[in-house]
Amino acid sequence: MYRLTASYHHPADRDAFVTHYRDVHAKLAAKLPDVRSFSWGVCETPDGSQPPHALVAVLDWDSKEAAQASLGSEEGQAAVADLDNFAQAGVDMEFQELTSEV
């Protein structure tokens, strides 16, 4: 399994950010070819303090090659282009080849 984790920095307008993510960006990401799993969540901390990131999304593919092809597709390019519409505060993207222990 190959994973993309996208950790979004805190935007100036949290509500507008989450609305755009939910109503536009998540729908684009859900259309990525061959994506096996896509989930996302708004970050919280147990004590109510500001967490390191505003939102984290996780996408999984069967392989690195499948992820690269998916992200390079028309749908992938549309999702990447949409980042300019809502992620002005920045996003950290990390890729991992997953190893399961259990």
PDB file of N, CA and C in Angstrom:
ATOM      1  N   MET A   1       0.850  -1.169   0.000  1.00  0.00           N
ATOM      2  CA  MET A   1       0.000   0.000   0.000  1.00  0.00           C
ATOM      3  C   MET A   1       0.896   1.232   0.000  1.00  0.00           C
ATOM      4  N   TYR A   2       0.472   2.267  -0.736  1.00  0.00           N
ATOM      5  CA  TYR A   2       1.220   3.518  -0.822  1.00  0.00           C
ATOM      6  C   TYR A   2       0.305   4.656  -0.389  1.00  0.00           C
ATOM      7  N   ARG A   3       0.796   5.525   0.478  1.00  0.00           N
ATOM      8  CA  ARG A   3      -0.049   6.527   1.134  1.00  0.00           C
ATOM      9  C   ARG A   3       0.454   7.944   0.898  1.00  0.00           C
ATOM     10  N   LEU A   4      -0.493   8.843   0.702  1.00  0.00           N
ATOM     11  CA  LEU A   4      -0.241  10.277   0.703  1.00  0.00           C
ATOM     12  C   LEU A   4      -0.937  10.852   1.933  1.00  0.00           C
ATOM     13  N   THR A   5      -0.180  11.562   2.761  1.00  0.00           N
ATOM     14  CA  THR A   5      -0.742  12.285   3.896  1.00  0.00           C
ATOM     15  C   THR A   5      -0.555  13.772   3.614  1.00  0.00           C
ATOM     16  N   ALA A   6      -1.660  14.504   3.588  1.00  0.00           N
ATOM     17  CA  ALA A   6      -1.633  15.953   3.361  1.00  0.00           C
ATOM     18  C   ALA A   6      -2.056  16.640   4.654  1.00  0.00           C
ATOM     19  N   SER A   7      -1.144  17.421   5.224  1.00  0.00           N
ATOM     20  CA  SER A   7      -1.394  18.122   6.490  1.00  0.00           C
ATOM     21  C   SER A   7      -1.450  19.618   6.201  1.00  0.00           C
ATOM     22  N   TYR A   8      -2.626  20.196   6.355  1.00  0.00           N
ATOM     23  CA  TYR A   8      -2.870  21.588   5.985  1.00  0.00           C
ATOM     24  C   TYR A   8      -2.587  22.528   7.149  1.00  0.00           C
ATOM     25  N   HIS A   9      -1.896  23.617   6.840  1.00  0.00           N
ATOM     26  CA  HIS A   9      -1.604  24.655   7.837  1.00  0.00           C
ATOM     27  C   HIS A   9      -2.875  25.438   8.143  1.00  0.00           C
ATOM     28  N   HIS A  10      -2.862  26.155   9.250  1.00  0.00           N
ATOM     29  CA  HIS A  10      -4.039  26.910   9.685  1.00  0.00           C
ATOM     30  C   HIS A  10      -4.306  28.099   8.773  1.00  0.00           C
ATOM     31  N   PRO A  11      -5.506  28.154   8.194  1.00  0.00           N
ATOM     32  CA  PRO A  11      -5.864  29.259   7.305  1.00  0.00           C
ATOM     33  C   PRO A  11      -6.332  30.480   8.106  1.00  0.00           C
ATOM     34  N   ALA A  12      -6.416  31.602   7.426  1.00  0.00           N
ATOM     35  CA  ALA A  12      -6.930  32.818   8.064  1.00  0.00           C
ATOM     36  C   ALA A  12      -8.413  32.666   8.396  1.00  0.00           C
ATOM     37  N   ASP A  13      -9.176  32.042   7.499  1.00  0.00           N
ATOM     38  CA  ASP A  13     -10.618  31.857   7.698  1.00  0.00           C
ATOM     39  C   ASP A  13     -10.914  30.356   7.740  1.00  0.00           C
ATOM     40  N   ARG A  14     -10.950  29.808   8.938  1.00  0.00           N
ATOM     41  CA  ARG A  14     -11.118  28.364   9.116  1.00  0.00           C
ATOM     42  C   ARG A  14     -12.422  27.855   8.506  1.00  0.00           C
ATOM     43  N   ASP A  15     -13.516  28.582   8.740  1.00  0.00           N
ATOM     44  CA  ASP A  15     -14.817  28.114   8.250  1.00  0.00           C
ATOM     45  C   ASP A  15     -14.852  28.060   6.722  1.00  0.00           C
ATOM     46  N   ALA A  16     -14.330  29.089   6.049  1.00  0.00           N
ATOM     47  CA  ALA A  16     -14.296  29.097   4.581  1.00  0.00           C
ATOM     48  C   ALA A  16     -13.393  27.973   4.065  1.00  0.00           C
ATOM     49  N   PHE A  17     -12.289  27.739   4.759  1.00  0.00           N
ATOM     50  CA  PHE A  17     -11.359  26.677   4.388  1.00  0.00           C
ATOM     51  C   PHE A  17     -12.056  25.310   4.444  1.00  0.00           C
ATOM     52  N   VAL A  18     -12.692  25.015   5.574  1.00  0.00           N
ATOM     53  CA  VAL A  18     -13.349  23.713   5.742  1.00  0.00           C
ATOM     54  C   VAL A  18     -14.500  23.561   4.750  1.00  0.00           C
ATOM     55  N   THR A  19     -15.247  24.635   4.526  1.00  0.00           N
ATOM     56  CA  THR A  19     -16.345  24.569   3.563  1.00  0.00           C
ATOM     57  C   THR A  19     -15.827  24.244   2.175  1.00  0.00           C
ATOM     58  N   HIS A  20     -14.768  24.911   1.742  1.00  0.00           N
ATOM     59  CA  HIS A  20     -14.209  24.632   0.417  1.00  0.00           C
ATOM     60  C   HIS A  20     -13.660  23.202   0.361  1.00  0.00           C
ATOM     61  N   TYR A  21     -12.959  22.794   1.410  1.00  0.00           N
ATOM     62  CA  TYR A  21     -12.405  21.441   1.409  1.00  0.00           C
ATOM     63  C   TYR A  21     -13.525  20.408   1.267  1.00  0.00           C
ATOM     64  N   ARG A  22     -14.545  20.542   2.089  1.00  0.00           N
ATOM     65  CA  ARG A  22     -15.649  19.574   2.097  1.00  0.00           C
ATOM     66  C   ARG A  22     -16.439  19.594   0.788  1.00  0.00           C
ATOM     67  N   ASP A  23     -16.759  20.798   0.307  1.00  0.00           N
ATOM     68  CA  ASP A  23     -17.684  20.915  -0.825  1.00  0.00           C
ATOM     69  C   ASP A  23     -17.016  20.847  -2.193  1.00  0.00           C
ATOM     70  N   VAL A  24     -15.717  21.116  -2.259  1.00  0.00           N
ATOM     71  CA  VAL A  24     -15.034  21.138  -3.554  1.00  0.00           C
ATOM     72  C   VAL A  24     -13.857  20.163  -3.582  1.00  0.00           C
ATOM     73  N   HIS A  25     -12.869  20.384  -2.726  1.00  0.00           N
ATOM     74  CA  HIS A  25     -11.621  19.617  -2.835  1.00  0.00           C
ATOM     75  C   HIS A  25     -11.818  18.127  -2.537  1.00  0.00           C
ATOM     76  N   ALA A  26     -12.566  17.809  -1.518  1.00  0.00           N
ATOM     77  CA  ALA A  26     -12.785  16.397  -1.182  1.00  0.00           C
ATOM     78  C   ALA A  26     -13.487  15.668  -2.325  1.00  0.00           C
ATOM     79  N   LYS A  27     -14.381  16.356  -3.007  1.00  0.00           N
ATOM     80  CA  LYS A  27     -15.072  15.731  -4.138  1.00  0.00           C
ATOM     81  C   LYS A  27     -14.100  15.468  -5.292  1.00  0.00           C
ATOM     82  N   LEU A  28     -13.142  16.397  -5.494  1.00  0.00           N
ATOM     83  CA  LEU A  28     -12.117  16.176  -6.518  1.00  0.00           C
ATOM     84  C   LEU A  28     -11.217  14.998  -6.139  1.00  0.00           C
ATOM     85  N   ALA A  29     -10.789  14.955  -4.888  1.00  0.00           N
ATOM     86  CA  ALA A  29      -9.898  13.875  -4.435  1.00  0.00           C
ATOM     87  C   ALA A  29     -10.588  12.521  -4.514  1.00  0.00           C
ATOM     88  N   ALA A  30     -11.876  12.483  -4.238  1.00  0.00           N
ATOM     89  CA  ALA A  30     -12.614  11.222  -4.281  1.00  0.00           C
ATOM     90  C   ALA A  30     -12.695  10.646  -5.691  1.00  0.00           C
ATOM     91  N   LYS A  31     -12.469  11.486  -6.706  1.00  0.00           N
ATOM     92  CA  LYS A  31     -12.527  11.036  -8.104  1.00  0.00           C
ATOM     93  C   LYS A  31     -11.175  10.565  -8.638  1.00  0.00           C
ATOM     94  N   LEU A  32     -10.135  10.594  -7.817  1.00  0.00           N
ATOM     95  CA  LEU A  32      -8.819  10.169  -8.287  1.00  0.00           C
ATOM     96  C   LEU A  32      -8.866   8.709  -8.722  1.00  0.00           C
ATOM     97  N   PRO A  33      -8.309   8.404  -9.888  1.00  0.00           N
ATOM     98  CA  PRO A  33      -8.326   7.023 -10.363  1.00  0.00           C
ATOM     99  C   PRO A  33      -7.567   6.081  -9.422  1.00  0.00           C
ATOM    100  N   ASP A  34      -8.153   4.940  -9.203  1.00  0.00           N
ATOM    101  CA  ASP A  34      -7.533   3.845  -8.458  1.00  0.00           C
ATOM    102  C   ASP A  34      -7.236   4.144  -6.992  1.00  0.00           C
ATOM    103  N   VAL A  35      -7.741   5.249  -6.450  1.00  0.00           N
ATOM    104  CA  VAL A  35      -7.537   5.503  -5.020  1.00  0.00           C
ATOM    105  C   VAL A  35      -8.357   4.458  -4.252  1.00  0.00           C
ATOM    106  N   ARG A  36      -7.736   3.793  -3.294  1.00  0.00           N
ATOM    107  CA  ARG A  36      -8.391   2.727  -2.537  1.00  0.00           C
ATOM    108  C   ARG A  36      -9.093   3.241  -1.295  1.00  0.00           C
ATOM    109  N   SER A  37      -8.558   4.335  -0.752  1.00  0.00           N
ATOM    110  CA  SER A  37      -9.123   4.892   0.473  1.00  0.00           C
ATOM    111  C   SER A  37      -8.811   6.384   0.495  1.00  0.00           C
ATOM    112  N   PHE A  38      -9.785   7.163   0.925  1.00  0.00           N
ATOM    113  CA  PHE A  38      -9.601   8.602   1.103  1.00  0.00           C
ATOM    114  C   PHE A  38     -10.398   9.021   2.330  1.00  0.00           C
ATOM    115  N   SER A  39      -9.708   9.582   3.301  1.00  0.00           N
ATOM    116  CA  SER A  39     -10.389  10.087   4.495  1.00  0.00           C
ATOM    117  C   SER A  39      -9.726  11.395   4.912  1.00  0.00           C
ATOM    118  N   TRP A  40     -10.480  12.203   5.628  1.00  0.00           N
ATOM    119  CA  TRP A  40      -9.941  13.476   6.087  1.00  0.00           C
ATOM    120  C   TRP A  40     -10.650  13.880   7.364  1.00  0.00           C
ATOM    121  N   GLY A  41      -9.996  14.767   8.123  1.00  0.00           N
ATOM    122  CA  GLY A  41     -10.603  15.246   9.352  1.00  0.00           C
ATOM    123  C   GLY A  41      -9.998  16.563   9.798  1.00  0.00           C
ATOM    124  N   VAL A  42     -10.816  17.352  10.460  1.00  0.00           N
ATOM    125  CA  VAL A  42     -10.374  18.601  11.060  1.00  0.00           C
ATOM    126  C   VAL A  42      -9.665  18.248  12.364  1.00  0.00           C
ATOM    127  N   CYS A  43      -8.495  18.820  12.568  1.00  0.00           N
ATOM    128  CA  CYS A  43      -7.658  18.456  13.716  1.00  0.00           C
ATOM    129  C   CYS A  43      -8.130  19.112  15.011  1.00  0.00           C
ATOM    130  N   GLU A  44      -7.960  18.384  16.101  1.00  0.00           N
ATOM    131  CA  GLU A  44      -8.289  18.845  17.449  1.00  0.00           C
ATOM    132  C   GLU A  44      -7.202  18.365  18.401  1.00  0.00           C
ATOM    133  N   THR A  45      -7.192  18.942  19.599  1.00  0.00           N
ATOM    134  CA  THR A  45      -6.319  18.453  20.667  1.00  0.00           C
ATOM    135  C   THR A  45      -7.182  18.172  21.889  1.00  0.00           C
ATOM    136  N   PRO A  46      -6.741  17.287  22.781  1.00  0.00           N
ATOM    137  CA  PRO A  46      -7.536  16.970  23.970  1.00  0.00           C
ATOM    138  C   PRO A  46      -7.796  18.189  24.868  1.00  0.00           C
ATOM    139  N   ASP A  47      -6.839  19.124  24.920  1.00  0.00           N
ATOM    140  CA  ASP A  47      -7.006  20.270  25.821  1.00  0.00           C
ATOM    141  C   ASP A  47      -7.591  21.506  25.137  1.00  0.00           C
ATOM    142  N   GLY A  48      -7.939  21.404  23.870  1.00  0.00           N
ATOM    143  CA  GLY A  48      -8.545  22.526  23.171  1.00  0.00           C
ATOM    144  C   GLY A  48      -7.558  23.537  22.612  1.00  0.00           C
ATOM    145  N   SER A  49      -6.270  23.313  22.792  1.00  0.00           N
ATOM    146  CA  SER A  49      -5.268  24.220  22.232  1.00  0.00           C
ATOM    147  C   SER A  49      -5.183  23.996  20.720  1.00  0.00           C
ATOM    148  N   GLN A  50      -4.536  24.909  20.032  1.00  0.00           N
ATOM    149  CA  GLN A  50      -4.417  24.780  18.582  1.00  0.00           C
ATOM    150  C   GLN A  50      -3.472  23.639  18.220  1.00  0.00           C
ATOM    151  N   PRO A  51      -3.936  22.696  17.407  1.00  0.00           N
ATOM    152  CA  PRO A  51      -3.067  21.586  16.979  1.00  0.00           C
ATOM    153  C   PRO A  51      -2.071  22.070  15.931  1.00  0.00           C
ATOM    154  N   PRO A  52      -1.068  21.267  15.621  1.00  0.00           N
ATOM    155  CA  PRO A  52      -0.067  21.664  14.624  1.00  0.00           C
ATOM    156  C   PRO A  52      -0.655  21.922  13.229  1.00  0.00           C
ATOM    157  N   HIS A  53      -1.726  21.232  12.879  1.00  0.00           N
ATOM    158  CA  HIS A  53      -2.346  21.381  11.563  1.00  0.00           C
ATOM    159  C   HIS A  53      -3.847  21.601  11.705  1.00  0.00           C
ATOM    160  N   ALA A  54      -4.440  22.218  10.685  1.00  0.00           N
ATOM    161  CA  ALA A  54      -5.880  22.479  10.681  1.00  0.00           C
ATOM    162  C   ALA A  54      -6.677  21.262  10.241  1.00  0.00           C
ATOM    163  N   LEU A  55      -6.140  20.530   9.259  1.00  0.00           N
ATOM    164  CA  LEU A  55      -6.863  19.408   8.666  1.00  0.00           C
ATOM    165  C   LEU A  55      -5.827  18.443   8.107  1.00  0.00           C
ATOM    166  N   VAL A  56      -6.126  17.162   8.192  1.00  0.00           N
ATOM    167  CA  VAL A  56      -5.242  16.134   7.632  1.00  0.00           C
ATOM    168  C   VAL A  56      -6.085  15.215   6.755  1.00  0.00           C
ATOM    169  N   ALA A  57      -5.548  14.925   5.561  1.00  0.00           N
ATOM    170  CA  ALA A  57      -6.192  13.996   4.637  1.00  0.00           C
ATOM    171  C   ALA A  57      -5.239  12.842   4.359  1.00  0.00           C
ATOM    172  N   VAL A  58      -5.802  11.657   4.183  1.00  0.00           N
ATOM    173  CA  VAL A  58      -5.014  10.455   3.928  1.00  0.00           C
ATOM    174  C   VAL A  58      -5.614   9.728   2.725  1.00  0.00           C
ATOM    175  N   LEU A  59      -4.761   9.460   1.741  1.00  0.00           N
ATOM    176  CA  LEU A  59      -5.187   8.738   0.536  1.00  0.00           C
ATOM    177  C   LEU A  59      -4.277   7.533   0.340  1.00  0.00           C
ATOM    178  N   ASP A  60      -4.852   6.405  -0.028  1.00  0.00           N
ATOM    179  CA  ASP A  60      -4.095   5.170  -0.232  1.00  0.00           C
ATOM    180  C   ASP A  60      -4.317   4.607  -1.628  1.00  0.00           C
ATOM    181  N   TRP A  61      -3.237   4.075  -2.203  1.00  0.00           N
ATOM    182  CA  TRP A  61      -3.262   3.362  -3.475  1.00  0.00           C
ATOM    183  C   TRP A  61      -2.582   2.018  -3.277  1.00  0.00           C
ATOM    184  N   ASP A  62      -2.726   1.131  -4.239  1.00  0.00           N
ATOM    185  CA  ASP A  62      -2.100  -0.181  -4.147  1.00  0.00           C
ATOM    186  C   ASP A  62      -0.580  -0.117  -4.255  1.00  0.00           C
ATOM    187  N   SER A  63      -0.061   0.880  -4.971  1.00  0.00           N
ATOM    188  CA  SER A  63       1.385   0.957  -5.196  1.00  0.00           C
ATOM    189  C   SER A  63       1.802   2.400  -5.459  1.00  0.00           C
ATOM    190  N   LYS A  64       3.096   2.635  -5.408  1.00  0.00           N
ATOM    191  CA  LYS A  64       3.649   3.948  -5.729  1.00  0.00           C
ATOM    192  C   LYS A  64       3.321   4.315  -7.172  1.00  0.00           C
ATOM    193  N   GLU A  65       3.440   3.349  -8.059  1.00  0.00           N
ATOM    194  CA  GLU A  65       3.156   3.585  -9.467  1.00  0.00           C
ATOM    195  C   GLU A  65       1.690   3.982  -9.683  1.00  0.00           C
ATOM    196  N   ALA A  66       0.778   3.332  -8.968  1.00  0.00           N
ATOM    197  CA  ALA A  66      -0.642   3.676  -9.074  1.00  0.00           C
ATOM    198  C   ALA A  66      -0.889   5.092  -8.562  1.00  0.00           C
ATOM    199  N   ALA A  67      -0.230   5.472  -7.464  1.00  0.00           N
ATOM    200  CA  ALA A  67      -0.379   6.816  -6.919  1.00  0.00           C
ATOM    201  C   ALA A  67       0.137   7.857  -7.900  1.00  0.00           C
ATOM    202  N   GLN A  68       1.301   7.616  -8.469  1.00  0.00           N
ATOM    203  CA  GLN A  68       1.880   8.558  -9.423  1.00  0.00           C
ATOM    204  C   GLN A  68       0.992   8.728 -10.654  1.00  0.00           C
ATOM    205  N   ALA A  69       0.469   7.627 -11.153  1.00  0.00           N
ATOM    206  CA  ALA A  69      -0.415   7.693 -12.318  1.00  0.00           C
ATOM    207  C   ALA A  69      -1.704   8.437 -11.967  1.00  0.00           C
ATOM    208  N   SER A  70      -2.234   8.168 -10.810  1.00  0.00           N
ATOM    209  CA  SER A  70      -3.466   8.812 -10.365  1.00  0.00           C
ATOM    210  C   SER A  70      -3.277  10.314 -10.212  1.00  0.00           C
ATOM    211  N   LEU A  71      -2.212  10.715  -9.549  1.00  0.00           N
ATOM    212  CA  LEU A  71      -1.956  12.132  -9.329  1.00  0.00           C
ATOM    213  C   LEU A  71      -1.602  12.856 -10.624  1.00  0.00           C
ATOM    214  N   GLY A  72      -1.060  12.135 -11.597  1.00  0.00           N
ATOM    215  CA  GLY A  72      -0.731  12.728 -12.882  1.00  0.00           C
ATOM    216  C   GLY A  72      -1.889  12.759 -13.864  1.00  0.00           C
ATOM    217  N   SER A  73      -2.990  12.119 -13.499  1.00  0.00           N
ATOM    218  CA  SER A  73      -4.159  12.063 -14.372  1.00  0.00           C
ATOM    219  C   SER A  73      -4.855  13.429 -14.434  1.00  0.00           C
ATOM    220  N   GLU A  74      -5.833  13.537 -15.300  1.00  0.00           N
ATOM    221  CA  GLU A  74      -6.627  14.771 -15.403  1.00  0.00           C
ATOM    222  C   GLU A  74      -7.284  15.104 -14.062  1.00  0.00           C
ATOM    223  N   GLU A  75      -7.821  14.084 -13.396  1.00  0.00           N
ATOM    224  CA  GLU A  75      -8.447  14.294 -12.091  1.00  0.00           C
ATOM    225  C   GLU A  75      -7.421  14.734 -11.044  1.00  0.00           C
ATOM    226  N   GLY A  76      -6.246  14.132 -11.089  1.00  0.00           N
ATOM    227  CA  GLY A  76      -5.183  14.506 -10.162  1.00  0.00           C
ATOM    228  C   GLY A  76      -4.721  15.929 -10.379  1.00  0.00           C
ATOM    229  N   GLN A  77      -4.574  16.316 -11.636  1.00  0.00           N
ATOM    230  CA  GLN A  77      -4.165  17.680 -11.939  1.00  0.00           C
ATOM    231  C   GLN A  77      -5.212  18.690 -11.488  1.00  0.00           C
ATOM    232  N   ALA A  78      -6.490  18.345 -11.596  1.00  0.00           N
ATOM    233  CA  ALA A  78      -7.561  19.233 -11.134  1.00  0.00           C
ATOM    234  C   ALA A  78      -7.492  19.405  -9.619  1.00  0.00           C
ATOM    235  N   ALA A  79      -7.239  18.312  -8.895  1.00  0.00           N
ATOM    236  CA  ALA A  79      -7.144  18.393  -7.437  1.00  0.00           C
ATOM    237  C   ALA A  79      -5.942  19.231  -7.017  1.00  0.00           C
ATOM    238  N   VAL A  80      -4.803  19.052  -7.673  1.00  0.00           N
ATOM    239  CA  VAL A  80      -3.610  19.837  -7.350  1.00  0.00           C
ATOM    240  C   VAL A  80      -3.853  21.318  -7.668  1.00  0.00           C
ATOM    241  N   ALA A  81      -4.469  21.606  -8.798  1.00  0.00           N
ATOM    242  CA  ALA A  81      -4.751  22.996  -9.175  1.00  0.00           C
ATOM    243  C   ALA A  81      -5.683  23.663  -8.171  1.00  0.00           C
ATOM    244  N   ASP A  82      -6.576  22.902  -7.569  1.00  0.00           N
ATOM    245  CA  ASP A  82      -7.529  23.466  -6.604  1.00  0.00           C
ATOM    246  C   ASP A  82      -6.852  23.938  -5.328  1.00  0.00           C
ATOM    247  N   LEU A  83      -5.653  23.462  -5.022  1.00  0.00           N
ATOM    248  CA  LEU A  83      -4.957  23.888  -3.803  1.00  0.00           C
ATOM    249  C   LEU A  83      -4.816  25.406  -3.744  1.00  0.00           C
ATOM    250  N   ASP A  84      -4.605  26.047  -4.891  1.00  0.00           N
ATOM    251  CA  ASP A  84      -4.468  27.504  -4.924  1.00  0.00           C
ATOM    252  C   ASP A  84      -5.750  28.218  -4.507  1.00  0.00           C
ATOM    253  N   ASN A  85      -6.877  27.521  -4.549  1.00  0.00           N
ATOM    254  CA  ASN A  85      -8.167  28.127  -4.220  1.00  0.00           C
ATOM    255  C   ASN A  85      -8.479  28.155  -2.731  1.00  0.00           C
ATOM    256  N   PHE A  86      -7.730  27.392  -1.919  1.00  0.00           N
ATOM    257  CA  PHE A  86      -8.090  27.351  -0.500  1.00  0.00           C
ATOM    258  C   PHE A  86      -6.922  27.105   0.449  1.00  0.00           C
ATOM    259  N   ALA A  87      -5.785  26.655  -0.039  1.00  0.00           N
ATOM    260  CA  ALA A  87      -4.681  26.254   0.845  1.00  0.00           C
ATOM    261  C   ALA A  87      -3.542  27.272   0.832  1.00  0.00           C
ATOM    262  N   GLN A  88      -3.886  28.560   0.871  1.00  0.00           N
ATOM    263  CA  GLN A  88      -2.868  29.600   0.829  1.00  0.00           C
ATOM    264  C   GLN A  88      -1.923  29.542   2.021  1.00  0.00           C
ATOM    265  N   ALA A  89      -2.375  29.014   3.145  1.00  0.00           N
ATOM    266  CA  ALA A  89      -1.521  28.922   4.340  1.00  0.00           C
ATOM    267  C   ALA A  89      -0.461  27.830   4.193  1.00  0.00           C
ATOM    268  N   GLY A  90      -0.653  26.930   3.238  1.00  0.00           N
ATOM    269  CA  GLY A  90       0.317  25.877   2.983  1.00  0.00           C
ATOM    270  C   GLY A  90      -0.188  24.492   3.335  1.00  0.00           C
ATOM    271  N   VAL A  91       0.464  23.507   2.763  1.00  0.00           N
ATOM    272  CA  VAL A  91       0.143  22.108   3.024  1.00  0.00           C
ATOM    273  C   VAL A  91       1.436  21.307   2.942  1.00  0.00           C
ATOM    274  N   ASP A  92       1.622  20.398   3.886  1.00  0.00           N
ATOM    275  CA  ASP A  92       2.757  19.482   3.883  1.00  0.00           C
ATOM    276  C   ASP A  92       2.268  18.150   3.329  1.00  0.00           C
ATOM    277  N   MET A  93       2.927  17.663   2.273  1.00  0.00           N
ATOM    278  CA  MET A  93       2.543  16.383   1.685  1.00  0.00           C
ATOM    279  C   MET A  93       3.676  15.396   1.872  1.00  0.00           C
ATOM    280  N   GLU A  94       3.324  14.237   2.401  1.00  0.00           N
ATOM    281  CA  GLU A  94       4.292  13.169   2.629  1.00  0.00           C
ATOM    282  C   GLU A  94       3.755  11.885   2.021  1.00  0.00           C
ATOM    283  N   PHE A  95       4.662  11.123   1.450  1.00  0.00           N
ATOM    284  CA  PHE A  95       4.312   9.833   0.862  1.00  0.00           C
ATOM    285  C   PHE A  95       4.990   8.738   1.663  1.00  0.00           C
ATOM    286  N   GLN A  96       4.292   7.628   1.833  1.00  0.00           N
ATOM    287  CA  GLN A  96       4.851   6.511   2.584  1.00  0.00           C
ATOM    288  C   GLN A  96       4.509   5.189   1.907  1.00  0.00           C
ATOM    289  N   GLU A  97       5.495   4.304   1.840  1.00  0.00           N
ATOM    290  CA  GLU A  97       5.257   2.905   1.488  1.00  0.00           C
ATOM    291  C   GLU A  97       4.909   2.242   2.819  1.00  0.00           C
ATOM    292  N   LEU A  98       3.690   1.740   2.949  1.00  0.00           N
ATOM    293  CA  LEU A  98       3.221   1.234   4.233  1.00  0.00           C
ATOM    294  C   LEU A  98       3.722  -0.184   4.515  1.00  0.00           C
ATOM    295  N   THR A  99       4.041  -0.400   5.763  1.00  0.00           N
ATOM    296  CA  THR A  99       4.391  -1.717   6.278  1.00  0.00           C
ATOM    297  C   THR A  99       3.407  -2.043   7.384  1.00  0.00           C
ATOM    298  N   SER A 100       2.699  -3.124   7.264  1.00  0.00           N
ATOM    299  CA  SER A 100       1.738  -3.522   8.288  1.00  0.00           C
ATOM    300  C   SER A 100       2.360  -4.519   9.241  1.00  0.00           C
ATOM    301  N   GLU A 101       2.188  -4.285  10.520  1.00  0.00           N
ATOM    302  CA  GLU A 101       2.733  -5.168  11.550  1.00  0.00           C
ATOM    303  C   GLU A 101       1.655  -6.067  12.133  1.00  0.00           C
ATOM    304  N   VAL A 102       0.417  -5.676  12.023  1.00  0.00           N
ATOM    305  CA  VAL A 102      -0.680  -6.459  12.581  1.00  0.00           C
ATOM    306  C   VAL A 102      -1.758  -6.621  11.539  1.00  0.00           C
TER     307      VAL A 102
END
